[in-house]
C-alpha atoms as a PDB file:
ATOM      1  CA  MET A   1       6.037  17.387 -62.472  1.00  0.00           C
ATOM      2  CA  THR A   2       8.650  14.943 -63.109  1.00  0.00           C
ATOM      3  CA  ILE A   3       8.813  11.140 -61.143  1.00  0.00           C
ATOM      4  CA  LYS A   4      11.939  12.723 -59.314  1.00  0.00           C
ATOM      5  CA  GLU A   5      10.129  15.540 -57.915  1.00  0.00           C
ATOM      6  CA  ILE A   6       7.232  13.539 -56.499  1.00  0.00           C
ATOM      7  CA  ILE A   7       9.666  11.153 -54.795  1.00  0.00           C
ATOM      8  CA  VAL A   8      11.746  14.366 -53.093  1.00  0.00           C
ATOM      9  CA  GLY A   9       8.140  15.527 -52.248  1.00  0.00           C
ATOM     10  CA  LEU A  10       7.346  12.307 -50.332  1.00  0.00           C
ATOM     11  CA  ALA A  11       9.865  12.193 -48.825  1.00  0.00           C
ATOM     12  CA  LEU A  12       9.883  15.603 -47.342  1.00  0.00           C
ATOM     13  CA  VAL A  13       6.232  14.592 -46.087  1.00  0.00           C
ATOM     14  CA  SER A  14       7.302  11.558 -44.456  1.00  0.00           C
ATOM     15  CA  VAL A  15      10.322  13.167 -42.588  1.00  0.00           C
ATOM     16  CA  SER A  16       7.991  16.162 -41.394  1.00  0.00           C
ATOM     17  CA  THR A  17       5.447  13.201 -40.308  1.00  0.00           C
ATOM     18  CA  VAL A  18       8.261  11.643 -38.268  1.00  0.00           C
ATOM     19  CA  CYS A  19       9.246  14.795 -36.938  1.00  0.00           C
ATOM     20  CA  VAL A  20       5.612  15.739 -35.542  1.00  0.00           C
ATOM     21  CA  ALA A  21       5.198  12.471 -34.203  1.00  0.00           C
ATOM     22  CA  GLN A  22       8.588  12.570 -31.964  1.00  0.00           C
ATOM     23  CA  GLU A  23       7.689  16.140 -30.899  1.00  0.00           C
ATOM     24  CA  GLU A  24       4.110  15.142 -29.471  1.00  0.00           C
ATOM     25  CA  GLU A  25       5.609  12.053 -27.727  1.00  0.00           C
ATOM     26  CA  ALA A  26       7.993  14.082 -26.352  1.00  0.00           C
ATOM     27  CA  GLN A  27       4.897  16.489 -25.011  1.00  0.00           C
ATOM     28  CA  ILE A  28       3.539  13.108 -23.093  1.00  0.00           C
ATOM     29  CA  ASN A  29       4.905  11.463 -19.857  1.00  0.00           C
ATOM     30  CA  PRO A  30       4.998   7.570 -20.818  1.00  0.00           C
ATOM     31  CA  ASN A  31       3.783   6.525 -17.307  1.00  0.00           C
ATOM     32  CA  SER A  32       0.675   8.989 -17.759  1.00  0.00           C
ATOM     33  CA  LEU A  33      -2.798   7.109 -18.234  1.00  0.00           C
ATOM     34  CA  LEU A  34      -4.428  10.691 -19.415  1.00  0.00           C
ATOM     35  CA  THR A  35      -1.677  11.605 -21.789  1.00  0.00           C
ATOM     36  CA  ILE A  36      -2.254  15.537 -21.624  1.00  0.00           C
ATOM     37  CA  PRO A  37       0.531  17.006 -23.917  1.00  0.00           C
ATOM     38  CA  LYS A  38       2.765  19.623 -21.854  1.00  0.00           C
ATOM     39  CA  TYR A  39       1.508  22.421 -24.414  1.00  0.00           C
ATOM     40  CA  GLU A  40      -1.920  22.105 -22.961  1.00  0.00           C
ATOM     41  CA  GLN A  41      -1.107  21.960 -19.303  1.00  0.00           C
ATOM     42  CA  LEU A  42      -1.699  25.623 -17.532  1.00  0.00           C
ATOM     43  CA  TYR A  43      -0.689  24.018 -14.065  1.00  0.00           C
ATOM     44  CA  LYS A  44       0.968  21.165 -12.920  1.00  0.00           C
ATOM     45  CA  ILE A  45       2.515  19.592  -9.713  1.00  0.00           C
ATOM     46  CA  LYS A  46       3.335  16.303  -8.599  1.00  0.00           C
ATOM     47  CA  VAL A  47       1.802  15.042  -5.259  1.00  0.00           C
ATOM     48  CA  TRP A  48       2.397  11.853  -3.379  1.00  0.00           C
ATOM     49  CA  ARG A  49      -0.462  10.601  -1.016  1.00  0.00           C
ATOM     50  CA  VAL A  50      -0.524   7.518   1.585  1.00  0.00           C
ATOM     51  CA  MET A  51      -3.549   5.440   1.322  1.00  0.00           C
ATOM     52  CA  ASP A  52      -4.966   3.061   4.529  1.00  0.00           C
ATOM     53  CA  LEU A  53      -6.954   0.350   2.928  1.00  0.00           C
ATOM     54  CA  ARG A  54      -8.007  -0.604   6.554  1.00  0.00           C
ATOM     55  CA  GLU A  55     -10.016   3.000   6.924  1.00  0.00           C
ATOM     56  CA  LYS A  56     -13.704   3.000   6.566  1.00  0.00           C
ATOM     57  CA  GLN A  57     -13.728   4.623   3.697  1.00  0.00           C
ATOM     58  CA  ASN A  58     -11.295   2.845   1.529  1.00  0.00           C
ATOM     59  CA  LYS A  59     -12.828  -0.807   3.012  1.00  0.00           C
ATOM     60  CA  GLY A  60     -14.486  -0.815  -0.314  1.00  0.00           C
ATOM     61  CA  PHE A  61     -10.936  -1.768  -1.930  1.00  0.00           C
ATOM     62  CA  PHE A  62     -10.008  -4.251   0.995  1.00  0.00           C
ATOM     63  CA  ALA A  63     -13.335  -6.247   1.251  1.00  0.00           C
ATOM     64  CA  ARG A  64     -12.688  -9.590   3.178  1.00  0.00           C
ATOM     65  CA  GLY A  65     -11.277 -12.167   0.951  1.00  0.00           C
ATOM     66  CA  ASN A  66     -11.593  -9.785  -2.137  1.00  0.00           C
ATOM     67  CA  GLU A  67      -8.763  -7.473  -1.369  1.00  0.00           C
ATOM     68  CA  MET A  68      -7.398  -5.686  -4.183  1.00  0.00           C
ATOM     69  CA  PRO A  69      -3.808  -5.671  -3.512  1.00  0.00           C
ATOM     70  CA  ASP A  70      -4.445  -9.641  -3.702  1.00  0.00           C
ATOM     71  CA  LEU A  71      -5.694  -9.020  -7.619  1.00  0.00           C
ATOM     72  CA  ILE A  72      -2.520  -7.001  -7.966  1.00  0.00           C
ATOM     73  CA  LEU A  73      -0.145  -9.854  -6.743  1.00  0.00           C
ATOM     74  CA  LYS A  74      -1.959 -12.176  -8.775  1.00  0.00           C
ATOM     75  CA  ALA A  75      -1.245 -10.226 -11.669  1.00  0.00           C
ATOM     76  CA  ILE A  76       2.097  -9.872 -11.094  1.00  0.00           C
ATOM     77  CA  LYS A  77       2.959 -13.406 -10.405  1.00  0.00           C
ATOM     78  CA  SER A  78       1.036 -14.286 -13.755  1.00  0.00           C
ATOM     79  CA  GLY A  79       3.166 -11.810 -15.511  1.00  0.00           C
ATOM     80  CA  GLU A  80       0.005 -10.132 -16.439  1.00  0.00           C
ATOM     81  CA  ILE A  81       1.570  -6.906 -14.840  1.00  0.00           C
ATOM     82  CA  ALA A  82       5.183  -7.597 -16.271  1.00  0.00           C
ATOM     83  CA  ASP A  83       7.086  -4.640 -14.700  1.00  0.00           C
ATOM     84  CA  VAL A  84       7.494  -3.865 -11.049  1.00  0.00           C
ATOM     85  CA  TYR A  85       9.858  -0.953 -10.131  1.00  0.00           C
ATOM     86  CA  TRP A  86      12.059  -0.399  -6.904  1.00  0.00           C
ATOM     87  CA  THR A  87      11.223   3.347  -6.573  1.00  0.00           C
ATOM     88  CA  ASP A  88       8.020   5.882  -7.191  1.00  0.00           C
ATOM     89  CA  SER A  89      10.377   7.135 -10.008  1.00  0.00           C
ATOM     90  CA  LEU A  90       9.228   4.122 -11.936  1.00  0.00           C
ATOM     91  CA  ASP A  91      12.702   3.782 -14.256  1.00  0.00           C
ATOM     92  CA  ARG A  92      14.558   1.137 -12.486  1.00  0.00           C
ATOM     93  CA  LYS A  93      13.067  -2.058 -12.815  1.00  0.00           C
ATOM     94  CA  MET A  94      12.883  -5.156 -10.240  1.00  0.00           C
ATOM     95  CA  SER A  95      13.745  -8.719 -11.141  1.00  0.00           C
ATOM     96  CA  LYS A  96      11.141 -11.101 -10.578  1.00  0.00           C
ATOM     97  CA  GLU A  97      13.362 -12.772  -7.821  1.00  0.00           C
ATOM     98  CA  ASP A  98      14.132  -9.168  -6.391  1.00  0.00           C
ATOM     99  CA  PHE A  99      10.222  -9.273  -6.177  1.00  0.00           C
ATOM    100  CA  ASN A 100       9.693 -12.897  -4.670  1.00  0.00           C
ATOM    101  CA  ASN A 101      12.063 -12.022  -1.859  1.00  0.00           C
ATOM    102  CA  ALA A 102      10.638  -8.495  -1.046  1.00  0.00           C
ATOM    103  CA  ILE A 103       7.330 -10.313  -0.448  1.00  0.00           C
ATOM    104  CA  THR A 104       8.750 -13.546   1.213  1.00  0.00           C
ATOM    105  CA  THR A 105       8.036 -13.439   4.911  1.00  0.00           C
ATOM    106  CA  LYS A 106       9.985 -16.897   5.552  1.00  0.00           C
ATOM    107  CA  GLN A 107      12.587 -18.503   3.615  1.00  0.00           C
ATOM    108  CA  ALA A 108      11.564 -22.357   2.603  1.00  0.00           C
ATOM    109  CA  GLU A 109      13.510 -24.634   4.760  1.00  0.00           C
ATOM    110  CA  THR A 110      16.314 -27.265   3.151  1.00  0.00           C
ATOM    111  CA  PRO A 111      16.421 -30.099   5.707  1.00  0.00           C
ATOM    112  CA  PRO A 112      18.566 -33.219   4.462  1.00  0.00           C
ATOM    113  CA  ALA A 113      17.756 -36.214   2.492  1.00  0.00           C
ATOM    114  CA  TRP A 114      15.565 -38.994   3.726  1.00  0.00           C
ATOM    115  CA  GLU A 115      17.994 -42.410   4.132  1.00  0.00           C
ATOM    116  CA  PRO A 116      16.478 -45.529   4.249  1.00  0.00           C
ATOM    117  CA  ALA A 117      19.111 -46.887   6.970  1.00  0.00           C
ATOM    118  CA  LYS A 118      18.695 -43.924   9.131  1.00  0.00           C
ATOM    119  CA  ASP A 119      16.802 -43.376  12.533  1.00  0.00           C
ATOM    120  CA  PHE A 120      14.309 -40.851  12.898  1.00  0.00           C
ATOM    121  CA  TYR A 121      12.623 -39.472  15.796  1.00  0.00           C
ATOM    122  CA  LYS A 122       9.438 -37.262  16.241  1.00  0.00           C
ATOM    123  CA  GLY A 123       9.719 -33.768  14.931  1.00  0.00           C
ATOM    124  CA  ASP A 124      12.863 -34.427  12.752  1.00  0.00           C
ATOM    125  CA  ARG A 125      12.587 -33.163   9.050  1.00  0.00           C
ATOM    126  CA  VAL A 126      13.692 -34.488   5.755  1.00  0.00           C
ATOM    127  CA  SER A 127      13.767 -34.028   1.891  1.00  0.00           C
ATOM    128  CA  PHE A 128      12.191 -36.601  -0.246  1.00  0.00           C
ATOM    129  CA  ASN A 129      11.745 -36.292  -4.189  1.00  0.00           C
ATOM    130  CA  GLY A 130      11.543 -32.645  -3.546  1.00  0.00           C
ATOM    131  CA  VAL A 131       8.933 -32.436  -0.944  1.00  0.00           C
ATOM    132  CA  ASN A 132       9.902 -31.834   2.848  1.00  0.00           C
ATOM    133  CA  TYR A 133       8.220 -34.027   5.442  1.00  0.00           C
ATOM    134  CA  GLU A 134       8.392 -33.839   9.295  1.00  0.00           C
ATOM    135  CA  ALA A 135       8.401 -37.173  11.200  1.00  0.00           C
ATOM    136  CA  THR A 136       5.204 -37.582  13.785  1.00  0.00           C
ATOM    137  CA  ASP A 137       6.552 -40.584  15.271  1.00  0.00           C
ATOM    138  CA  ASP A 138       9.971 -42.384  15.444  1.00  0.00           C
ATOM    139  CA  SER A 139      10.415 -44.453  12.305  1.00  0.00           C
ATOM    140  CA  LYS A 140      13.532 -46.095  10.278  1.00  0.00           C
ATOM    141  CA  GLY A 141      13.305 -47.104   6.559  1.00  0.00           C
ATOM    142  CA  LYS A 142       9.711 -45.897   6.084  1.00  0.00           C
ATOM    143  CA  ASN A 143       9.305 -44.064   3.213  1.00  0.00           C
ATOM    144  CA  PRO A 144       8.039 -40.680   3.922  1.00  0.00           C
ATOM    145  CA  SER A 145       5.517 -40.707   0.473  1.00  0.00           C
ATOM    146  CA  THR A 146       3.818 -43.409   1.380  1.00  0.00           C
ATOM    147  CA  SER A 147       3.665 -43.748   5.258  1.00  0.00           C
ATOM    148  CA  LYS A 148       1.230 -41.179   6.087  1.00  0.00           C
ATOM    149  CA  ASP A 149       0.753 -42.363   9.514  1.00  0.00           C
ATOM    150  CA  GLN A 150       4.478 -41.567  10.501  1.00  0.00           C
ATOM    151  CA  TRP A 151       5.383 -38.670   8.081  1.00  0.00           C
ATOM    152  CA  GLN A 152       3.313 -35.441   7.261  1.00  0.00           C
ATOM    153  CA  GLY A 153       4.164 -33.059   4.454  1.00  0.00           C
ATOM    154  CA  PRO A 154       4.679 -30.967   3.016  1.00  0.00           C
ATOM    155  CA  VAL A 155       6.324 -28.813   5.373  1.00  0.00           C
ATOM    156  CA  GLY A 156       8.754 -25.929   5.688  1.00  0.00           C
ATOM    157  CA  LYS A 157       7.728 -23.855   2.365  1.00  0.00           C
ATOM    158  CA  ALA A 158       8.511 -20.450   1.773  1.00  0.00           C
ATOM    159  CA  GLU A 159       5.632 -17.941   3.058  1.00  0.00           C
ATOM    160  CA  THR A 160       4.821 -15.186   0.776  1.00  0.00           C
ATOM    161  CA  LEU A 161       2.548 -11.718   1.667  1.00  0.00           C
ATOM    162  CA  ARG A 162      -1.081 -12.329   1.037  1.00  0.00           C
ATOM    163  CA  GLY A 163      -3.295  -9.583  -0.064  1.00  0.00           C
ATOM    164  CA  SER A 164      -4.697  -8.729   3.121  1.00  0.00           C
ATOM    165  CA  ASP A 165      -1.162  -8.092   4.461  1.00  0.00           C
ATOM    166  CA  ILE A 166      -0.534  -5.175   2.123  1.00  0.00           C
ATOM    167  CA  TYR A 167      -2.897  -2.513   3.606  1.00  0.00           C
ATOM    168  CA  ILE A 168      -0.763   0.679   2.975  1.00  0.00           C
ATOM    169  CA  LEU A 169      -0.586   1.747  -0.540  1.00  0.00           C
ATOM    170  CA  LYS A 170       1.250   4.993  -1.484  1.00  0.00           C
ATOM    171  CA  ILE A 171       0.218   6.861  -4.762  1.00  0.00           C
ATOM    172  CA  VAL A 172       2.237   9.347  -6.848  1.00  0.00           C
ATOM    173  CA  GLU A 173       0.176  11.574  -9.056  1.00  0.00           C
ATOM    174  CA  ASP A 174       0.350  14.757 -11.389  1.00  0.00           C
ATOM    175  CA  VAL A 175      -2.329  17.067 -10.578  1.00  0.00           C
ATOM    176  CA  ILE A 176      -3.092  19.019 -14.000  1.00  0.00           C
ATOM    177  CA  PHE A 177      -5.144  21.900 -14.796  1.00  0.00           C
ATOM    178  CA  ASP A 178      -5.829  21.408 -18.373  1.00  0.00           C
ATOM    179  CA  LYS A 179      -6.269  24.841 -20.155  1.00  0.00           C
ATOM    180  CA  ARG A 180      -7.855  23.397 -23.308  1.00  0.00           C
ATOM    181  CA  ARG A 181     -10.384  21.277 -21.148  1.00  0.00           C
ATOM    182  CA  SER A 182     -10.465  23.918 -18.387  1.00  0.00           C
ATOM    183  CA  ARG A 183     -10.685  21.376 -15.760  1.00  0.00           C
ATOM    184  CA  GLN A 184      -8.253  19.883 -13.010  1.00  0.00           C
ATOM    185  CA  TYR A 185      -7.369  16.063 -13.586  1.00  0.00           C
ATOM    186  CA  TYR A 186      -5.554  13.823 -11.176  1.00  0.00           C
ATOM    187  CA  ASP A 187      -3.167  11.682 -13.363  1.00  0.00           C
ATOM    188  CA  MET A 188      -2.209   8.883 -11.404  1.00  0.00           C
ATOM    189  CA  LEU A 189       1.454   7.530 -12.306  1.00  0.00           C
ATOM    190  CA  GLY A 190       2.272   4.879  -9.807  1.00  0.00           C
ATOM    191  CA  ILE A 191       1.340   2.784  -6.818  1.00  0.00           C
ATOM    192  CA  GLY A 192       3.469   1.749  -4.105  1.00  0.00           C
ATOM    193  CA  LEU A 193       2.634  -1.603  -2.093  1.00  0.00           C
ATOM    194  CA  TYR A 194       3.748  -1.229   1.413  1.00  0.00           C
ATOM    195  CA  ALA A 195       3.762  -4.069   4.157  1.00  0.00           C
ATOM    196  CA  PHE A 196       4.638  -4.379   7.567  1.00  0.00           C
ATOM    197  CA  ASP A 197       7.426  -6.199   8.659  1.00  0.00           C
ATOM    198  CA  GLU A 198       7.725  -7.863  11.739  1.00  0.00           C
ATOM    199  CA  ALA A 199      11.315  -8.519  12.267  1.00  0.00           C
ATOM    200  CA  GLN A 200      12.117  -4.722  11.965  1.00  0.00           C
ATOM    201  CA  GLY A 201       8.957  -3.383  13.284  1.00  0.00           C
ATOM    202  CA  LEU A 202       8.040  -0.752  10.309  1.00  0.00           C
ATOM    203  CA  LEU A 203       6.299  -0.304   6.875  1.00  0.00           C
ATOM    204  CA  LYS A 204       8.549  -1.657   4.331  1.00  0.00           C
ATOM    205  CA  PRO A 205       8.163  -0.979   0.298  1.00  0.00           C
ATOM    206  CA  ARG A 206       7.543  -3.888  -1.749  1.00  0.00           C
ATOM    207  CA  GLY A 207       7.664  -2.496  -5.092  1.00  0.00           C
ATOM    208  CA  TRP A 208       6.123  -0.036  -7.183  1.00  0.00           C
ATOM    209  CA  ILE A 209       4.141  -0.607 -10.413  1.00  0.00           C
ATOM    210  CA  LYS A 210       2.352   1.827 -12.954  1.00  0.00           C
ATOM    211  CA  TYR A 211      -0.840   2.566 -12.697  1.00  0.00           C
ATOM    212  CA  LYS A 212      -1.739   2.281 -16.079  1.00  0.00           C
ATOM    213  CA  ASP A 213      -0.698  -1.314 -15.930  1.00  0.00           C
ATOM    214  CA  VAL A 214      -3.002  -1.765 -12.869  1.00  0.00           C
ATOM    215  CA  GLU A 215      -5.572   0.084 -14.531  1.00  0.00           C
ATOM    216  CA  LYS A 216      -5.684  -2.617 -17.255  1.00  0.00           C
ATOM    217  CA  VAL A 217      -5.662  -5.411 -14.893  1.00  0.00           C
ATOM    218  CA  PHE A 218      -8.843  -4.050 -13.242  1.00  0.00           C
ATOM    219  CA  ARG A 219     -10.583  -3.351 -16.669  1.00  0.00           C
ATOM    220  CA  ASN A 220      -9.938  -6.977 -17.546  1.00  0.00           C
ATOM    221  CA  HIS A 221     -11.081  -8.571 -14.284  1.00  0.00           C
ATOM    222  CA  VAL A 222     -14.092  -7.189 -13.807  1.00  0.00           C
ATOM    223  CA  LYS A 223     -15.562 -10.087 -11.654  1.00  0.00           C
ATOM    224  CA  GLU A 224     -12.804  -9.653  -9.248  1.00  0.00           C
ATOM    225  CA  ALA A 225     -12.014  -5.724  -9.393  1.00  0.00           C
ATOM    226  CA  ILE A 226     -14.928  -5.217  -7.508  1.00  0.00           C
ATOM    227  CA  TRP A 227     -15.246  -1.989  -5.447  1.00  0.00           C
ATOM    228  CA  PHE A 228     -17.856  -2.835  -2.656  1.00  0.00           C
ATOM    229  CA  ASN A 229     -20.280   0.026  -1.794  1.00  0.00           C
ATOM    230  CA  ARG A 230     -21.122  -0.683   1.550  1.00  0.00           C
ATOM    231  CA  TYR A 231     -24.427   1.338   1.483  1.00  0.00           C
ATOM    232  CA  ASN A 232     -25.950   0.104  -1.752  1.00  0.00           C
ATOM    233  CA  THR A 233     -24.506  -3.197  -3.667  1.00  0.00           C
ATOM    234  CA  ALA A 234     -26.288  -2.576  -6.663  1.00  0.00           C
ATOM    235  CA  GLU A 235     -24.027   0.500  -6.941  1.00  0.00           C
ATOM    236  CA  ASN A 236     -20.793  -1.949  -6.783  1.00  0.00           C
ATOM    237  CA  ARG A 237     -18.248  -0.692  -8.813  1.00  0.00           C
ATOM    238  CA  ASN A 238     -15.122  -1.490 -10.753  1.00  0.00           C
ATOM    239  CA  TYR A 239     -11.699  -0.525  -8.966  1.00  0.00           C
ATOM    240  CA  ALA A 240     -10.558   1.525 -12.116  1.00  0.00           C
ATOM    241  CA  ASP A 241     -13.840   3.307 -11.790  1.00  0.00           C
ATOM    242  CA  ALA A 242     -13.510   3.932  -8.206  1.00  0.00           C
ATOM    243  CA  PHE A 243     -10.085   5.345  -8.665  1.00  0.00           C
ATOM    244  CA  LEU A 244     -11.265   7.798 -11.145  1.00  0.00           C
ATOM    245  CA  LEU A 245     -14.117   8.971  -9.149  1.00  0.00           C
ATOM    246  CA  ARG A 246     -11.747   9.498  -6.271  1.00  0.00           C
ATOM    247  CA  LEU A 247     -13.926   6.884  -3.974  1.00  0.00           C
ATOM    248  CA  PHE A 248     -11.161   7.087  -1.195  1.00  0.00           C
ATOM    249  CA  HIS A 249      -9.420   8.603   1.460  1.00  0.00           C
ATOM    250  CA  VAL A 250      -5.671   9.535   1.660  1.00  0.00           C
ATOM    251  CA  ILE A 251      -3.512  11.785   2.995  1.00  0.00           C
ATOM    252  CA  ILE A 252      -0.977  13.965   1.102  1.00  0.00           C
ATOM    253  CA  GLU A 253       2.650  12.994   2.473  1.00  0.00           C
ATOM    254  CA  LYS A 254       4.632  15.122   0.044  1.00  0.00           C
ATOM    255  CA  VAL A 255       4.119  17.920  -2.749  1.00  0.00           C
ATOM    256  CA  GLU A 256       7.182  18.042  -4.961  1.00  0.00           C
ATOM    257  CA  ASN A 257       9.588  20.455  -3.744  1.00  0.00           C
ATOM    258  CA  PRO A 258      13.632  21.376  -4.273  1.00  0.00           C
ATOM    259  CA  ASP A 259      14.642  19.513  -1.293  1.00  0.00           C
ATOM    260  CA  ASP A 260      12.326  16.592  -1.732  1.00  0.00           C
ATOM    261  CA  ASP A 261      11.281  17.043   1.604  1.00  0.00           C
ATOM    262  CA  THR A 262       8.059  15.130   3.192  1.00  0.00           C
ATOM    263  CA  ILE A 263       5.730  17.700   4.951  1.00  0.00           C
ATOM    264  CA  PHE A 264       6.142  16.146   8.265  1.00  0.00           C
ATOM    265  CA  ASN A 265       9.884  16.628   7.948  1.00  0.00           C
ATOM    266  CA  LEU A 266       9.362  20.020   7.444  1.00  0.00           C
ATOM    267  CA  TYR A 267       7.488  20.690  10.950  1.00  0.00           C
ATOM    268  CA  LYS A 268       8.777  19.936  14.054  1.00  0.00           C
ATOM    269  CA  SER A 269       5.434  18.377  15.821  1.00  0.00           C
ATOM    270  CA  HIS A 270       3.399  15.611  14.275  1.00  0.00           C
ATOM    271  CA  THR A 271       0.284  17.954  14.847  1.00  0.00           C
ATOM    272  CA  GLU A 272       1.514  20.649  13.090  1.00  0.00           C
ATOM    273  CA  GLY A 273       2.366  17.892  10.114  1.00  0.00           C
ATOM    274  CA  VAL A 274      -1.153  16.983  10.355  1.00  0.00           C
ATOM    275  CA  TYR A 275      -2.810  20.201   9.977  1.00  0.00           C
ATOM    276  CA  ALA A 276      -0.108  21.035   7.154  1.00  0.00           C
ATOM    277  CA  THR A 277      -1.386  17.752   5.263  1.00  0.00           C
ATOM    278  CA  ASP A 278      -4.725  19.451   5.289  1.00  0.00           C
ATOM    279  CA  TRP A 279      -3.644  22.547   4.308  1.00  0.00           C
ATOM    280  CA  GLU A 280      -1.929  21.390   1.352  1.00  0.00           C
ATOM    281  CA  GLU A 281      -5.234  19.980   0.569  1.00  0.00           C
ATOM    282  CA  MET A 282      -6.858  23.010   0.805  1.00  0.00           C
ATOM    283  CA  LYS A 283      -4.991  24.872  -1.098  1.00  0.00           C
ATOM    284  CA  MET A 284      -4.994  22.746  -4.122  1.00  0.00           C
ATOM    285  CA  MET A 285      -8.754  23.108  -3.965  1.00  0.00           C
ATOM    286  CA  GLU A 286      -8.373  26.886  -3.574  1.00  0.00           C
ATOM    287  CA  ARG A 287      -6.008  27.134  -6.594  1.00  0.00           C
ATOM    288  CA  GLU A 288      -8.280  25.162  -9.156  1.00  0.00           C
ATOM    289  CA  HIS A 289     -11.124  27.481  -7.735  1.00  0.00           C
ATOM    290  CA  ASN A 290      -9.067  30.496  -8.900  1.00  0.00           C
ATOM    291  CA  LEU A 291      -7.953  28.879 -12.164  1.00  0.00           C
ATOM    292  CA  TRP A 292     -11.612  28.369 -12.854  1.00  0.00           C
ATOM    293  CA  GLU A 293     -12.288  32.240 -11.724  1.00  0.00           C
ATOM    294  CA  TYR A 294      -9.274  33.257 -14.264  1.00  0.00           C
END
């Protein structure tokens, strides 16, 4: 065999390897944690669920002083979770400024600058060296940073959501029956953070994040990411394991459909909608049972 033939053979092998790799990559959802290829999926449907962290069954994720959303917020602010998205499609990223605006409940004040020659009275607010102060007594010419008896600060800072304020999570996941393993999987794709808006009187989305990014944070912070077992603290678990074991209660909000309707949009009364969410859950369980029979 000549050198030219060897080179051509190696080139063909290289090209075929690249093609196989690209084909394999196209078979996997880039947001998936389980990475089950499409050719191994006997059945798949996308489901949206609502998780209320205040419920008794979900309190393990929402222990006082150790709320799971607080860990997520810290990871976003530190950059450990780099990407936050506008919607559950997880394709349009929010800027850091947009996310900060989304979790801001009160904007920072911008009072006028302190002037040595000006009279200030109790309750007046000024800015000095980048810090806001409020007068606790009438004053003139007294420096806010040194006159603690007549000025208090800092005041008027921006207020943002705390972890305890985000008590509703929306979860989007693929329910997949893997024909190679003969097993049904719940492949969580994204988590939406929701908090109540006092001004508008409704729940508002604050951002969506990929579950595989969140799962990495849980694994990296074993001391903070603790699911609290109220019945036996020797069996406390990592949040990631608690999600994997489905140790939570959620309500189905939507099952993918051509009109993109939620379950409650399909029924006239709220009571019918509640029964329908349970019925959708039962249908999934029955389908899994039937596939096992098959």
